[in-house]
Amino acid sequence: MGGVSERQPEGTDNRKTMTRVDLLNAVYASCPSLSRAKAKQVFEMALEEITDTLVSGEPVKLRSFGLFMVRSKRERIGRNPRTGVEVPITPRRVLTFKPSPVLSAAVNSHSPRDESGRAGQS
């Protein structure tokens, strides 16, 4: 490890981040009739469709999950915090996500999973 410690964001408690592979495995496990290759194809097609829609500037609304939108930010003047020098910030598009009330309620009503994978008892 060369003496370099990995820094965890505060409050993560060394929890594993779900990755693309984890999601793909979940799709494969939930549809036993699909081959792993077919599950990957379906998963990749869904991600590609979402990406293409967002790139074109249209919102993506996933019921009971949330809304992904692309916002255009205008040019503005920022300030370098170290030197105080004003710097123009170029216009750009940013991706935003607004969770649905269902997702927000689910996140706020459940405690984080413990290491055994079960929801913590309150």
Protein backbone atom coordinates (compact mmCIF):
# COMPACT_ATOMS: atom_id res chain seq x y z
CA MET A 1 0.00 0.00 0.00
CA GLY A 2 3.09 2.22 0.07
CA GLY A 3 2.12 4.15 3.20
CA VAL A 4 -0.74 5.92 1.45
CA SER A 5 -3.96 5.60 3.37
CA GLU A 6 -7.27 5.64 1.57
CA ARG A 7 -9.44 8.37 2.96
CA GLN A 8 -13.09 7.52 3.47
CA PRO A 9 -15.71 10.26 3.32
CA GLU A 10 -17.04 11.07 6.77
CA GLY A 11 -19.93 8.85 7.86
CA THR A 12 -19.30 6.01 5.38
CA ASP A 13 -18.19 3.50 8.05
CA ASN A 14 -16.18 1.53 5.45
CA ARG A 15 -19.32 0.53 3.55
CA LYS A 16 -18.85 -0.82 0.05
CA THR A 17 -19.97 1.33 -2.85
CA MET A 18 -22.37 -0.43 -5.22
CA THR A 19 -20.79 -0.63 -8.66
CA ARG A 20 -21.91 -1.31 -12.21
CA VAL A 21 -20.86 -4.97 -11.77
CA ASP A 22 -22.95 -5.25 -8.57
CA LEU A 23 -26.00 -3.90 -10.40
CA LEU A 24 -25.42 -6.25 -13.32
CA ASN A 25 -25.14 -9.21 -10.96
CA ALA A 26 -28.41 -8.18 -9.29
CA VAL A 27 -30.17 -8.10 -12.68
CA TYR A 28 -28.73 -11.52 -13.53
CA ALA A 29 -29.75 -12.98 -10.16
CA SER A 30 -33.31 -11.64 -10.39
CA CYS A 31 -33.91 -13.08 -13.88
CA PRO A 32 -32.72 -16.72 -13.84
CA SER A 33 -34.10 -17.30 -17.35
CA LEU A 34 -31.58 -14.81 -18.80
CA SER A 35 -28.03 -15.79 -19.59
CA ARG A 36 -25.33 -13.62 -18.06
CA ALA A 37 -24.56 -12.22 -21.53
CA LYS A 38 -28.22 -11.36 -22.18
CA ALA A 39 -28.58 -9.76 -18.74
CA LYS A 40 -25.51 -7.63 -19.47
CA GLN A 41 -26.92 -6.65 -22.87
CA VAL A 42 -30.25 -5.54 -21.35
CA PHE A 43 -28.48 -3.66 -18.54
CA GLU A 44 -26.11 -1.87 -20.92
CA MET A 45 -28.98 -0.96 -23.26
CA ALA A 46 -30.89 0.63 -20.37
CA LEU A 47 -27.87 2.68 -19.29
CA GLU A 48 -27.19 3.73 -22.88
CA GLU A 49 -30.79 4.88 -23.35
CA ILE A 50 -30.65 6.93 -20.13
CA THR A 51 -27.32 8.46 -21.17
CA ASP A 52 -28.51 9.32 -24.69
CA THR A 53 -31.66 10.95 -23.33
CA LEU A 54 -29.68 13.09 -20.87
CA VAL A 55 -27.09 14.06 -23.50
CA SER A 56 -29.93 15.31 -25.71
CA GLY A 57 -31.04 17.56 -22.83
CA GLU A 58 -34.22 15.69 -21.94
CA PRO A 59 -35.03 14.66 -18.35
CA VAL A 60 -35.23 11.03 -17.25
CA LYS A 61 -37.93 10.25 -14.69
CA LEU A 62 -37.85 6.85 -13.00
CA ARG A 63 -41.04 6.46 -11.01
CA SER A 64 -40.44 5.72 -7.31
CA PHE A 65 -36.74 6.49 -7.81
CA GLY A 66 -36.18 10.04 -9.01
CA LEU A 67 -35.64 12.58 -11.75
CA PHE A 68 -32.38 13.15 -13.62
CA MET A 69 -32.14 16.50 -15.39
CA VAL A 70 -29.53 18.47 -17.29
CA ARG A 71 -29.39 22.16 -16.34
CA SER A 72 -27.61 24.85 -18.29
CA LYS A 73 -25.54 27.21 -16.16
CA ARG A 74 -24.73 30.63 -17.53
CA GLU A 75 -21.32 32.24 -17.56
CA ARG A 76 -20.50 33.95 -14.28
CA ILE A 77 -17.63 35.47 -12.36
CA GLY A 78 -16.03 33.34 -9.67
CA ARG A 79 -13.25 34.10 -7.25
CA ASN A 80 -10.07 32.14 -6.55
CA PRO A 81 -10.32 31.58 -2.78
CA ARG A 82 -6.54 31.55 -2.33
CA THR A 83 -5.69 34.74 -4.22
CA GLY A 84 -9.02 36.55 -4.35
CA VAL A 85 -8.61 37.10 -8.10
CA GLU A 86 -11.85 37.15 -10.08
CA VAL A 87 -12.04 34.46 -12.76
CA PRO A 88 -14.73 33.96 -15.44
CA ILE A 89 -16.50 30.58 -15.17
CA THR A 90 -17.58 29.35 -18.59
CA PRO A 91 -21.16 28.28 -19.28
CA ARG A 92 -21.74 24.56 -18.89
CA ARG A 93 -24.35 21.89 -18.45
CA VAL A 94 -24.66 20.04 -15.16
CA LEU A 95 -26.48 16.85 -14.28
CA THR A 96 -28.86 17.04 -11.33
CA PHE A 97 -30.83 14.35 -9.52
CA LYS A 98 -33.95 14.86 -7.46
CA PRO A 99 -34.99 11.78 -5.48
CA SER A 100 -38.65 10.81 -5.46
CA PRO A 101 -40.60 11.02 -2.20
CA VAL A 102 -40.69 7.19 -2.20
CA LEU A 103 -36.89 6.95 -2.38
CA SER A 104 -36.40 9.70 0.20
CA ALA A 105 -38.81 7.96 2.60
CA ALA A 106 -37.07 4.61 2.09
CA VAL A 107 -33.63 6.12 2.76
CA ASN A 108 -34.83 7.99 5.84
CA SER A 109 -36.84 5.14 7.36
CA HIS A 110 -34.15 2.46 7.21
CA SER A 111 -30.93 2.33 9.14
CA PRO A 112 -27.74 1.50 7.24
CA ARG A 113 -26.97 -2.17 6.71
CA ASP A 114 -24.55 -3.75 9.12
CA GLU A 115 -21.66 -5.92 7.93
CA SER A 116 -23.82 -9.07 7.77
CA GLY A 117 -26.05 -7.42 5.16
CA ARG A 118 -29.12 -7.23 7.38
CA ALA A 119 -30.82 -3.96 8.20
CA GLY A 120 -29.88 -2.69 11.66
CA GLN A 121 -32.41 -3.03 14.44
CA SER A 122 -33.70 0.16 16.07
